[in-house]
């Protein structure tokens, strides 16, 4: 085995040191800005207890965190470690407790008071779409009757809450006053369009496309719908591969008299 290259190790150590210094400087700058904004109300920061509550920070940071972390965690070829799952579950539980206390006490610094279910939907739908849209095809392949039952039950519960929010009305839902256009902007564009509508229309739309060969002449290409194509691919993977026949055994030689 060859000896490690000292130059390579030195370059790696120098890069790590530079990254650590940059991260430290960024953290220090953020701490100074937060200290000046919250404690001394520096007007140029725009950060204070009235303009930058925890609710405002969620609007600022939730989507970038979802884009950076969740697609990696929920990939089919990766698995999240048990310790990470435990920490995530603990953090989620603490956040739920914080939300309940923010509403019931209430804590003004959380900014939760006054925000309805509609506001939480607007906060969470886009990060949820970031996770689900890249895995839409995989989710369709793994879909089972159990998933259909869970989806139907969740849809029924959500529909009951929506109807009651409008008819009772339940003020905590925040649904009163929101029109069909508002619901289209909330759910249709981020979730239904890329996950349901586009996959259903793609085979029909691609059927109208004219394919050309290298010389520019039109060629016919059979467009297979997604479920059929997925089934064919699974069948091809499960089919046994051709195994060359074993050579015929040579006849045994007769023993010499």
Protein backbone atom coordinates (compact mmCIF):
# COMPACT_ATOMS: atom_id res chain seq x y z
CA UNK A 1 0.00 0.00 0.00
CA UNK A 2 1.19 3.51 -0.82
CA UNK A 3 1.96 5.98 1.91
CA UNK A 4 -0.50 8.87 2.44
CA UNK A 5 0.33 12.03 0.55
CA UNK A 6 1.40 14.72 3.09
CA UNK A 7 0.40 17.47 0.66
CA UNK A 8 -3.15 16.11 0.37
CA UNK A 9 -3.57 15.87 4.15
CA UNK A 10 -2.21 19.37 4.60
CA UNK A 11 -4.63 20.74 2.00
CA UNK A 12 -7.58 19.02 3.64
CA UNK A 13 -6.62 20.36 7.07
CA UNK A 14 -6.25 23.86 5.62
CA UNK A 15 -9.70 23.64 4.01
CA UNK A 16 -11.30 22.43 7.26
CA UNK A 17 -9.65 25.26 9.18
CA UNK A 18 -10.89 27.82 6.67
CA UNK A 19 -14.44 26.47 6.86
CA UNK A 20 -14.34 26.53 10.67
CA UNK A 21 -13.13 30.13 10.67
CA UNK A 22 -15.85 31.21 8.23
CA UNK A 23 -18.54 29.44 10.25
CA UNK A 24 -17.28 31.04 13.46
CA UNK A 25 -17.26 34.52 11.89
CA UNK A 26 -20.79 33.99 10.53
CA UNK A 27 -22.04 32.83 13.93
CA UNK A 28 -20.40 35.80 15.64
CA UNK A 29 -21.91 38.25 13.16
CA UNK A 30 -25.37 36.69 13.60
CA UNK A 31 -25.03 36.86 17.39
CA UNK A 32 -24.06 40.56 17.25
CA UNK A 33 -26.99 41.39 14.96
CA UNK A 34 -29.47 39.51 17.15
CA UNK A 35 -28.06 41.10 20.31
CA UNK A 36 -28.24 44.58 18.81
CA UNK A 37 -31.70 44.06 17.36
CA UNK A 38 -33.40 42.50 20.37
CA UNK A 39 -31.51 44.20 23.22
CA UNK A 40 -30.69 47.65 21.80
CA UNK A 41 -33.31 47.85 19.01
CA UNK A 42 -30.88 48.87 16.28
CA UNK A 43 -33.32 50.15 13.65
CA UNK A 44 -31.26 49.04 10.67
CA UNK A 45 -31.63 45.37 11.67
CA UNK A 46 -35.43 45.40 11.70
CA UNK A 47 -35.16 42.68 14.34
CA UNK A 48 -37.04 43.12 17.61
CA UNK A 49 -39.65 41.40 19.71
CA UNK A 50 -42.47 42.79 17.59
CA UNK A 51 -41.14 42.12 14.10
CA UNK A 52 -39.10 38.93 14.54
CA UNK A 53 -40.98 36.48 16.74
CA UNK A 54 -40.53 32.73 16.60
CA UNK A 55 -43.39 32.60 14.08
CA UNK A 56 -41.50 34.99 11.80
CA UNK A 57 -38.30 32.92 12.11
CA UNK A 58 -40.29 29.82 11.10
CA UNK A 59 -41.43 31.60 7.94
CA UNK A 60 -37.82 32.55 7.23
CA UNK A 61 -36.04 29.27 7.98
CA UNK A 62 -38.51 26.39 7.59
CA UNK A 63 -38.44 26.18 3.80
CA UNK A 64 -34.61 26.36 3.43
CA UNK A 65 -34.20 23.71 6.13
CA UNK A 66 -36.77 21.48 4.44
CA UNK A 67 -35.01 21.86 1.07
CA UNK A 68 -31.59 21.09 2.58
CA UNK A 69 -32.44 18.23 4.94
CA UNK A 70 -35.70 16.41 4.25
CA UNK A 71 -35.08 15.24 0.64
CA UNK A 72 -31.86 13.56 1.83
CA UNK A 73 -33.54 11.92 4.82
CA UNK A 74 -36.48 10.58 2.80
CA UNK A 75 -34.57 9.21 -0.18
CA UNK A 76 -35.20 5.55 -0.92
CA UNK A 77 -31.46 4.74 -0.90
CA UNK A 78 -30.73 6.33 2.48
CA UNK A 79 -31.69 5.44 6.02
CA UNK A 80 -31.82 7.75 9.01
CA UNK A 81 -29.91 6.46 12.04
CA UNK A 82 -31.74 5.53 15.21
CA UNK A 83 -30.06 8.31 17.19
CA UNK A 84 -31.12 10.89 14.59
CA UNK A 85 -34.68 9.60 14.64
CA UNK A 86 -34.74 9.82 18.42
CA UNK A 87 -33.43 13.37 18.38
CA UNK A 88 -35.92 14.36 15.69
CA UNK A 89 -38.85 12.88 17.62
CA UNK A 90 -37.70 14.63 20.80
CA UNK A 91 -37.34 17.96 19.01
CA UNK A 92 -40.78 17.61 17.41
CA UNK A 93 -42.36 16.78 20.78
CA UNK A 94 -40.72 19.80 22.43
CA UNK A 95 -41.88 22.02 19.58
CA UNK A 96 -45.49 20.81 19.95
CA UNK A 97 -45.34 21.56 23.69
CA UNK A 98 -43.91 25.01 22.89
CA UNK A 99 -46.74 25.70 20.44
CA UNK A 100 -49.38 24.70 23.03
CA UNK A 101 -47.78 26.93 25.67
CA UNK A 102 -47.41 29.75 23.18
CA UNK A 103 -51.17 29.73 22.65
CA UNK A 104 -52.36 29.03 26.20
CA UNK A 105 -50.08 31.20 28.37
CA UNK A 106 -49.65 33.09 25.88
CA UNK A 107 -45.99 33.88 25.20
CA UNK A 108 -45.76 36.98 23.04
CA UNK A 109 -42.22 36.15 21.84
CA UNK A 110 -43.50 33.04 20.07
CA UNK A 111 -45.92 35.04 17.91
CA UNK A 112 -48.31 32.07 17.81
CA UNK A 113 -51.30 33.86 19.30
CA UNK A 114 -53.71 34.97 16.59
CA UNK A 115 -52.44 32.52 13.97
CA UNK A 116 -55.11 30.06 12.86
CA UNK A 117 -55.09 26.64 11.24
CA UNK A 118 -55.16 28.38 7.86
CA UNK A 119 -51.92 30.20 8.73
CA UNK A 120 -50.25 26.92 9.76
CA UNK A 121 -51.34 25.33 6.48
CA UNK A 122 -49.76 28.19 4.54
CA UNK A 123 -46.58 27.72 6.57
CA UNK A 124 -46.33 23.92 6.11
CA UNK A 125 -47.72 23.15 2.65
CA UNK A 126 -44.72 24.36 0.63
CA UNK A 127 -42.08 22.48 2.70
CA UNK A 128 -44.31 19.41 2.51
CA UNK A 129 -44.44 19.75 -1.27
CA UNK A 130 -40.63 19.95 -1.39
CA UNK A 131 -40.48 16.51 0.25
CA UNK A 132 -43.33 14.80 -1.62
CA UNK A 133 -42.92 16.01 -5.21
CA UNK A 134 -39.50 14.39 -5.89
CA UNK A 135 -40.79 11.10 -4.43
CA UNK A 136 -44.19 11.12 -6.17
CA UNK A 137 -43.32 8.28 -8.58
CA UNK A 138 -41.80 6.18 -5.80
CA UNK A 139 -44.84 6.73 -3.58
CA UNK A 140 -47.17 5.62 -6.37
CA UNK A 141 -45.19 2.41 -6.85
CA UNK A 142 -45.29 1.61 -3.14
CA UNK A 143 -48.96 2.59 -2.73
CA UNK A 144 -51.10 -0.09 -1.08
CA UNK A 145 -54.70 -0.45 0.15
CA UNK A 146 -53.50 0.48 3.63
CA UNK A 147 -52.24 3.82 2.33
CA UNK A 148 -55.58 4.36 0.56
CA UNK A 149 -57.45 3.75 3.82
CA UNK A 150 -55.23 6.18 5.74
CA UNK A 151 -55.54 8.82 3.00
CA UNK A 152 -59.34 8.50 2.89
CA UNK A 153 -59.61 8.72 6.69
CA UNK A 154 -57.39 11.81 6.76
CA UNK A 155 -59.36 13.41 3.90
CA UNK A 156 -62.68 12.80 5.66
CA UNK A 157 -61.40 14.31 8.93
CA UNK A 158 -59.98 17.32 7.10
CA UNK A 159 -63.23 17.79 5.13
CA UNK A 160 -65.26 17.74 8.37
CA UNK A 161 -62.96 20.40 9.89
CA UNK A 162 -63.25 22.56 6.76
CA UNK A 163 -67.06 22.34 6.63
CA UNK A 164 -67.38 23.03 10.35
CA UNK A 165 -64.92 25.89 10.05
CA UNK A 166 -67.20 27.59 7.55
CA UNK A 167 -70.64 26.63 8.92
CA UNK A 168 -70.27 26.67 12.72
CA UNK A 169 -68.00 28.71 12.29
CA UNK A 170 -64.84 27.69 14.16
CA UNK A 171 -62.74 30.83 14.44
CA UNK A 172 -59.57 28.87 15.27
CA UNK A 173 -59.57 27.37 11.76
CA UNK A 174 -59.41 30.76 10.06
CA UNK A 175 -61.31 29.33 7.08
CA UNK A 176 -64.11 31.91 7.11
CA UNK A 177 -63.55 34.44 4.35
CA UNK A 178 -61.25 32.24 2.27
CA UNK A 179 -62.62 31.56 -1.19
CA UNK A 180 -62.07 28.79 -3.74
CA UNK A 181 -59.29 30.88 -5.25
CA UNK A 182 -57.48 30.94 -1.91
CA UNK A 183 -57.76 27.15 -1.63
CA UNK A 184 -56.40 26.72 -5.17
CA UNK A 185 -53.38 28.84 -4.28
CA UNK A 186 -52.90 26.92 -1.03
CA UNK A 187 -53.24 23.29 -2.19
CA UNK A 188 -53.63 23.05 -5.96
CA UNK A 189 -50.39 24.65 -7.10
CA UNK A 190 -47.96 23.22 -4.48
CA UNK A 191 -49.45 19.71 -4.00
CA UNK A 192 -52.19 18.55 -6.36
CA UNK A 193 -50.69 19.89 -9.58
CA UNK A 194 -47.21 18.26 -9.42
CA UNK A 195 -48.24 15.11 -7.52
CA UNK A 196 -51.59 14.18 -9.10
CA UNK A 197 -52.45 16.26 -12.18
CA UNK A 198 -49.12 16.31 -14.03
CA UNK A 199 -48.38 12.53 -13.70
CA UNK A 200 -51.91 11.74 -14.91
CA UNK A 201 -51.65 14.03 -17.96
CA UNK A 202 -48.03 13.30 -18.94
CA UNK A 203 -48.71 10.10 -20.99
CA UNK A 204 -51.51 11.82 -22.93
CA UNK A 205 -49.43 14.93 -23.54
CA UNK A 206 -46.38 12.93 -24.63
CA UNK A 207 -48.60 11.01 -27.06
CA UNK A 208 -48.98 14.21 -29.09
CA UNK A 209 -45.20 14.76 -29.34
CA UNK A 210 -43.48 13.93 -32.64
CA UNK A 211 -40.07 12.31 -32.22
CA UNK A 212 -37.35 12.75 -34.85
CA UNK A 213 -34.41 10.57 -35.73
CA UNK A 214 -30.86 11.78 -36.40
CA UNK A 215 -31.84 12.82 -39.94
CA UNK A 216 -34.88 14.81 -38.82
CA UNK A 217 -37.42 12.24 -40.00
CA UNK A 218 -40.43 11.54 -37.77
CA UNK A 219 -40.42 8.19 -36.01
CA UNK A 220 -43.12 6.38 -34.12
CA UNK A 221 -42.54 5.85 -30.41
CA UNK A 222 -44.96 3.89 -28.28
CA UNK A 223 -45.87 5.89 -25.18
CA UNK A 224 -46.62 3.61 -22.24
CA UNK A 225 -48.62 5.01 -19.34
CA UNK A 226 -46.82 5.26 -16.04
CA UNK A 227 -48.53 2.38 -14.16
CA UNK A 228 -48.03 0.02 -17.11
CA UNK A 229 -44.40 1.07 -17.52
CA UNK A 230 -43.73 0.59 -13.82
CA UNK A 231 -45.37 -2.85 -13.88
CA UNK A 232 -43.32 -3.86 -16.91
CA UNK A 233 -40.12 -2.70 -15.22
CA UNK A 234 -40.92 -4.66 -12.06
CA UNK A 235 -41.77 -7.73 -14.13
CA UNK A 236 -38.50 -7.45 -16.03
CA UNK A 237 -36.55 -7.19 -12.78
CA UNK A 238 -38.32 -10.22 -11.32
CA UNK A 239 -37.94 -12.36 -14.44
CA UNK A 240 -35.11 -14.91 -14.25
CA UNK A 241 -32.19 -14.13 -16.45
CA UNK A 242 -31.16 -16.44 -19.26
CA UNK A 243 -28.74 -19.02 -17.99
CA UNK A 244 -26.63 -20.84 -20.58
CA UNK A 245 -27.42 -24.59 -20.69
CA UNK A 246 -25.03 -26.82 -18.88
CA UNK A 247 -22.79 -28.86 -21.19
CA UNK A 248 -23.95 -32.39 -21.79
CA UNK A 249 -22.19 -34.98 -19.71
CA UNK A 250 -19.75 -37.13 -21.59
CA UNK A 251 -20.62 -40.81 -21.79
CA UNK A 252 -18.67 -42.89 -19.40
CA UNK A 253 -15.82 -44.80 -21.02
CA UNK A 254 -16.03 -48.52 -21.01
CA UNK A 255 -13.59 -50.23 -18.77
CA UNK A 256 -10.83 -52.09 -20.57
CA UNK A 257 -11.28 -55.91 -20.59
